[in-house]
């Protein structure tokens, strides 16, 4: 549906590699889907956080998925909500880990 409606996704979650596997699976289903991402293992304050926010804002996603686990993902969203150019913020926990079979 996102591909058909031209809705872009930014995935911010999981260990390094999880987002890449997720994007590959999504692109196999929806090859024209606008999707980008970054793993969730980064410093949530300071320069690294600023670089991630800049990366998100350059992409300008319609939907930002955030999966750090509760309550960290909700806190991060609240702390950065006004600084990120996304229309929808969705906390998703370990969803991508399950989607890529990293966790059973």
N, C-alpha and C. Protein backbone atom coordinates (compact mmCIF):
# COMPACT_ATOMS: atom_id res chain seq x y z
N UNK A 1 0.82 -1.19 0.00
CA UNK A 1 0.00 0.00 0.00
C UNK A 1 0.87 1.26 0.00
N UNK A 2 1.96 1.25 0.76
CA UNK A 2 2.84 2.42 0.79
C UNK A 2 3.46 2.68 -0.59
N UNK A 3 3.84 1.62 -1.26
CA UNK A 3 4.40 1.77 -2.61
C UNK A 3 3.35 2.37 -3.55
N UNK A 4 2.15 1.85 -3.51
CA UNK A 4 1.09 2.32 -4.41
C UNK A 4 0.69 3.76 -4.12
N UNK A 5 0.72 4.16 -2.85
CA UNK A 5 0.33 5.52 -2.45
C UNK A 5 1.51 6.48 -2.39
N UNK A 6 2.71 6.01 -2.79
CA UNK A 6 3.92 6.82 -2.78
C UNK A 6 4.24 7.36 -1.38
N UNK A 7 4.10 6.51 -0.39
CA UNK A 7 4.40 6.85 1.01
C UNK A 7 5.78 6.31 1.34
N UNK A 8 6.66 7.18 1.80
CA UNK A 8 8.03 6.78 2.09
C UNK A 8 8.19 6.36 3.56
N UNK A 9 9.14 5.46 3.79
CA UNK A 9 9.40 4.92 5.12
C UNK A 9 10.87 5.10 5.48
N UNK A 10 11.11 5.47 6.72
CA UNK A 10 12.46 5.44 7.26
C UNK A 10 12.41 4.51 8.46
N UNK A 11 13.27 3.50 8.46
CA UNK A 11 13.32 2.51 9.53
C UNK A 11 14.52 2.79 10.42
N UNK A 12 14.27 3.02 11.68
CA UNK A 12 15.32 3.32 12.66
C UNK A 12 15.19 2.30 13.78
N UNK A 13 15.91 1.18 13.64
CA UNK A 13 15.66 0.09 14.58
C UNK A 13 16.68 -1.03 14.41
N UNK A 14 16.76 -1.84 15.43
CA UNK A 14 17.51 -3.09 15.35
C UNK A 14 19.02 -2.93 15.39
N UNK A 15 19.66 -4.09 15.41
CA UNK A 15 21.12 -4.16 15.36
C UNK A 15 21.59 -3.86 13.94
N UNK A 16 22.88 -3.51 13.78
CA UNK A 16 23.39 -3.31 12.42
C UNK A 16 23.08 -4.54 11.56
N UNK A 17 22.57 -4.30 10.38
CA UNK A 17 22.22 -5.37 9.46
C UNK A 17 20.74 -5.68 9.40
N UNK A 18 20.03 -5.45 10.50
CA UNK A 18 18.60 -5.77 10.55
C UNK A 18 17.81 -4.90 9.59
N UNK A 19 18.10 -3.62 9.56
CA UNK A 19 17.38 -2.71 8.66
C UNK A 19 17.67 -3.07 7.20
N UNK A 20 18.91 -3.42 6.90
CA UNK A 20 19.26 -3.80 5.53
C UNK A 20 18.48 -5.04 5.10
N UNK A 21 18.37 -6.03 5.98
CA UNK A 21 17.60 -7.24 5.67
C UNK A 21 16.12 -6.90 5.48
N UNK A 22 15.61 -6.01 6.32
CA UNK A 22 14.21 -5.60 6.22
C UNK A 22 13.95 -4.90 4.89
N UNK A 23 14.82 -3.98 4.53
CA UNK A 23 14.66 -3.25 3.28
C UNK A 23 14.70 -4.22 2.09
N UNK A 24 15.60 -5.19 2.12
CA UNK A 24 15.68 -6.18 1.04
C UNK A 24 14.37 -6.97 0.93
N UNK A 25 13.81 -7.37 2.07
CA UNK A 25 12.54 -8.11 2.04
C UNK A 25 11.40 -7.23 1.53
N UNK A 26 11.36 -5.99 1.97
CA UNK A 26 10.30 -5.08 1.52
C UNK A 26 10.41 -4.79 0.02
N UNK A 27 11.64 -4.60 -0.45
CA UNK A 27 11.85 -4.30 -1.87
C UNK A 27 11.52 -5.51 -2.75
N UNK A 28 11.65 -6.72 -2.21
CA UNK A 28 11.27 -7.91 -2.97
C UNK A 28 9.76 -7.94 -3.21
N UNK A 29 9.01 -7.39 -2.27
CA UNK A 29 7.56 -7.33 -2.37
C UNK A 29 7.10 -6.09 -3.12
N UNK A 30 7.78 -4.97 -2.84
CA UNK A 30 7.39 -3.68 -3.41
C UNK A 30 8.65 -2.97 -3.94
N UNK A 31 9.09 -3.32 -5.14
CA UNK A 31 10.37 -2.82 -5.65
C UNK A 31 10.49 -1.30 -5.77
N UNK A 32 9.38 -0.59 -5.89
CA UNK A 32 9.44 0.86 -6.03
C UNK A 32 9.18 1.60 -4.72
N UNK A 33 9.13 0.86 -3.63
CA UNK A 33 8.92 1.47 -2.31
C UNK A 33 10.07 2.41 -1.98
N UNK A 34 9.73 3.59 -1.51
CA UNK A 34 10.75 4.55 -1.06
C UNK A 34 11.03 4.24 0.40
N UNK A 35 12.17 3.64 0.66
CA UNK A 35 12.51 3.22 2.02
C UNK A 35 14.00 3.38 2.24
N UNK A 36 14.33 3.82 3.42
CA UNK A 36 15.72 3.99 3.83
C UNK A 36 15.75 3.68 5.32
N UNK A 37 16.93 3.50 5.87
CA UNK A 37 16.97 3.22 7.29
C UNK A 37 18.35 3.30 7.89
N UNK A 38 18.37 3.10 9.19
CA UNK A 38 19.61 3.09 9.98
C UNK A 38 19.35 2.23 11.20
N UNK A 39 20.39 1.53 11.63
CA UNK A 39 20.22 0.69 12.82
C UNK A 39 19.97 1.54 14.06
N UNK A 40 19.47 0.91 15.10
CA UNK A 40 19.11 1.63 16.32
C UNK A 40 20.19 1.68 17.38
N UNK A 41 21.36 1.17 17.07
CA UNK A 41 22.45 1.14 18.05
C UNK A 41 23.36 2.34 17.84
N UNK A 42 22.94 3.47 18.37
CA UNK A 42 23.72 4.70 18.28
C UNK A 42 23.46 5.50 19.55
N UNK A 43 24.34 6.45 19.84
CA UNK A 43 24.18 7.32 21.00
C UNK A 43 22.97 8.21 20.77
N UNK A 44 22.04 8.20 21.72
CA UNK A 44 20.78 8.92 21.54
C UNK A 44 20.88 10.41 21.88
N UNK A 45 22.06 10.86 22.25
CA UNK A 45 22.34 12.28 22.50
C UNK A 45 23.66 12.62 21.82
N UNK A 46 23.83 13.87 21.50
CA UNK A 46 25.12 14.32 20.97
C UNK A 46 25.25 14.21 19.46
N UNK A 47 26.51 14.16 19.01
CA UNK A 47 26.83 14.23 17.59
C UNK A 47 26.23 13.08 16.78
N UNK A 48 26.29 11.87 17.30
CA UNK A 48 25.77 10.74 16.56
C UNK A 48 24.26 10.86 16.36
N UNK A 49 23.57 11.28 17.42
CA UNK A 49 22.13 11.50 17.32
C UNK A 49 21.82 12.59 16.29
N UNK A 50 22.58 13.66 16.31
CA UNK A 50 22.38 14.76 15.37
C UNK A 50 22.58 14.29 13.93
N UNK A 51 23.56 13.43 13.71
CA UNK A 51 23.83 12.91 12.37
C UNK A 51 22.67 12.04 11.88
N UNK A 52 22.09 11.24 12.76
CA UNK A 52 20.95 10.40 12.40
C UNK A 52 19.74 11.28 12.06
N UNK A 53 19.49 12.29 12.87
CA UNK A 53 18.37 13.20 12.61
C UNK A 53 18.57 13.90 11.26
N UNK A 54 19.78 14.30 10.96
CA UNK A 54 20.08 14.93 9.67
C UNK A 54 19.81 13.97 8.52
N UNK A 55 20.20 12.71 8.69
CA UNK A 55 19.96 11.69 7.66
C UNK A 55 18.45 11.49 7.43
N UNK A 56 17.70 11.42 8.51
CA UNK A 56 16.24 11.28 8.41
C UNK A 56 15.65 12.48 7.69
N UNK A 57 16.05 13.68 8.10
CA UNK A 57 15.49 14.90 7.51
C UNK A 57 15.84 15.06 6.03
N UNK A 58 17.00 14.60 5.62
CA UNK A 58 17.36 14.65 4.20
C UNK A 58 16.43 13.76 3.39
N UNK A 59 16.03 12.63 3.96
CA UNK A 59 15.14 11.70 3.27
C UNK A 59 13.69 12.18 3.30
N UNK A 60 13.31 12.91 4.35
CA UNK A 60 11.95 13.43 4.53
C UNK A 60 10.88 12.33 4.43
N UNK A 61 10.94 11.36 5.33
CA UNK A 61 9.99 10.25 5.25
C UNK A 61 8.57 10.66 5.64
N UNK A 62 7.61 9.98 5.04
CA UNK A 62 6.23 10.15 5.49
C UNK A 62 6.05 9.46 6.83
N UNK A 63 6.65 8.27 6.96
CA UNK A 63 6.53 7.49 8.20
C UNK A 63 7.93 7.16 8.71
N UNK A 64 8.15 7.43 10.00
CA UNK A 64 9.39 7.07 10.67
C UNK A 64 9.07 5.97 11.67
N UNK A 65 9.61 4.78 11.42
CA UNK A 65 9.49 3.66 12.36
C UNK A 65 10.67 3.72 13.31
N UNK A 66 10.40 3.66 14.61
CA UNK A 66 11.45 3.70 15.62
C UNK A 66 11.32 2.45 16.49
N UNK A 67 12.36 1.64 16.52
CA UNK A 67 12.33 0.41 17.29
C UNK A 67 13.54 0.27 18.19
N UNK A 68 13.48 0.87 19.38
CA UNK A 68 14.56 0.76 20.35
C UNK A 68 14.12 -0.04 21.58
N UNK A 69 12.86 -0.38 21.66
CA UNK A 69 12.32 -0.99 22.87
C UNK A 69 11.72 0.09 23.75
N UNK A 70 10.77 -0.36 24.58
CA UNK A 70 10.08 0.58 25.49
C UNK A 70 10.89 0.76 26.75
N UNK A 71 10.93 1.91 27.33
CA UNK A 71 10.35 3.18 26.92
C UNK A 71 11.33 4.05 26.13
N UNK A 72 12.50 3.50 25.79
CA UNK A 72 13.53 4.30 25.11
C UNK A 72 13.03 4.89 23.80
N UNK A 73 12.30 4.10 22.99
CA UNK A 73 11.84 4.61 21.70
C UNK A 73 10.85 5.75 21.87
N UNK A 74 9.96 5.64 22.84
CA UNK A 74 8.98 6.70 23.08
C UNK A 74 9.66 7.97 23.59
N UNK A 75 10.63 7.81 24.47
CA UNK A 75 11.38 8.96 24.99
C UNK A 75 12.13 9.64 23.86
N UNK A 76 12.79 8.86 23.00
CA UNK A 76 13.56 9.43 21.89
C UNK A 76 12.63 10.20 20.95
N UNK A 77 11.48 9.61 20.65
CA UNK A 77 10.52 10.31 19.78
C UNK A 77 10.11 11.64 20.41
N UNK A 78 9.74 11.63 21.67
CA UNK A 78 9.32 12.86 22.35
C UNK A 78 10.45 13.89 22.39
N UNK A 79 11.66 13.44 22.64
CA UNK A 79 12.80 14.37 22.72
C UNK A 79 13.15 15.00 21.38
N UNK A 80 12.82 14.32 20.28
CA UNK A 80 13.24 14.77 18.95
C UNK A 80 12.10 15.10 18.00
N UNK A 81 10.89 14.99 18.46
CA UNK A 81 9.69 15.16 17.64
C UNK A 81 9.69 16.45 16.82
N UNK A 82 10.02 17.56 17.43
CA UNK A 82 9.94 18.85 16.74
C UNK A 82 11.11 19.10 15.80
N UNK A 83 12.10 18.23 15.84
CA UNK A 83 13.31 18.42 15.03
C UNK A 83 13.37 17.52 13.81
N UNK A 84 12.38 16.62 13.67
CA UNK A 84 12.41 15.63 12.60
C UNK A 84 11.29 15.89 11.61
N UNK A 85 11.65 15.88 10.33
CA UNK A 85 10.68 16.10 9.25
C UNK A 85 10.05 14.78 8.82
N UNK A 86 9.15 14.28 9.63
CA UNK A 86 8.37 13.09 9.29
C UNK A 86 6.93 13.39 9.64
N UNK A 87 6.01 12.79 8.90
CA UNK A 87 4.59 13.05 9.13
C UNK A 87 4.03 12.17 10.24
N UNK A 88 4.52 10.93 10.32
CA UNK A 88 4.01 9.96 11.29
C UNK A 88 5.20 9.30 11.97
N UNK A 89 5.13 9.16 13.29
CA UNK A 89 6.15 8.48 14.08
C UNK A 89 5.50 7.22 14.66
N UNK A 90 6.11 6.06 14.41
CA UNK A 90 5.55 4.81 14.91
C UNK A 90 6.60 4.04 15.72
N UNK A 91 6.39 3.91 17.02
CA UNK A 91 7.27 3.05 17.80
C UNK A 91 6.92 1.59 17.51
N UNK A 92 7.93 0.76 17.24
CA UNK A 92 7.63 -0.61 16.85
C UNK A 92 8.39 -1.68 17.60
N UNK A 93 9.17 -1.30 18.60
CA UNK A 93 9.87 -2.31 19.38
C UNK A 93 10.73 -3.21 18.51
N UNK A 94 10.62 -4.50 18.73
CA UNK A 94 11.45 -5.49 18.03
C UNK A 94 10.81 -6.02 16.75
N UNK A 95 9.87 -5.31 16.20
CA UNK A 95 9.13 -5.76 15.02
C UNK A 95 10.06 -6.19 13.88
N UNK A 96 11.08 -5.41 13.58
CA UNK A 96 11.98 -5.75 12.48
C UNK A 96 12.81 -6.98 12.79
N UNK A 97 13.14 -7.18 14.06
CA UNK A 97 13.87 -8.39 14.46
C UNK A 97 13.04 -9.64 14.15
N UNK A 98 11.76 -9.58 14.42
CA UNK A 98 10.88 -10.70 14.12
C UNK A 98 10.67 -10.84 12.61
N UNK A 99 10.53 -9.73 11.91
CA UNK A 99 10.30 -9.74 10.47
C UNK A 99 11.47 -10.36 9.72
N UNK A 100 12.69 -10.15 10.21
CA UNK A 100 13.88 -10.68 9.55
C UNK A 100 14.35 -12.00 10.17
N UNK A 101 13.57 -12.55 11.08
CA UNK A 101 13.89 -13.81 11.75
C UNK A 101 15.16 -13.74 12.62
N UNK A 102 15.54 -12.52 13.04
CA UNK A 102 16.67 -12.37 13.95
C UNK A 102 16.26 -12.85 15.34
N UNK A 103 14.97 -12.82 15.64
CA UNK A 103 14.42 -13.29 16.91
C UNK A 103 13.24 -14.19 16.57
N UNK A 104 13.13 -15.28 17.28
CA UNK A 104 12.00 -16.20 17.03
C UNK A 104 11.03 -16.20 18.18
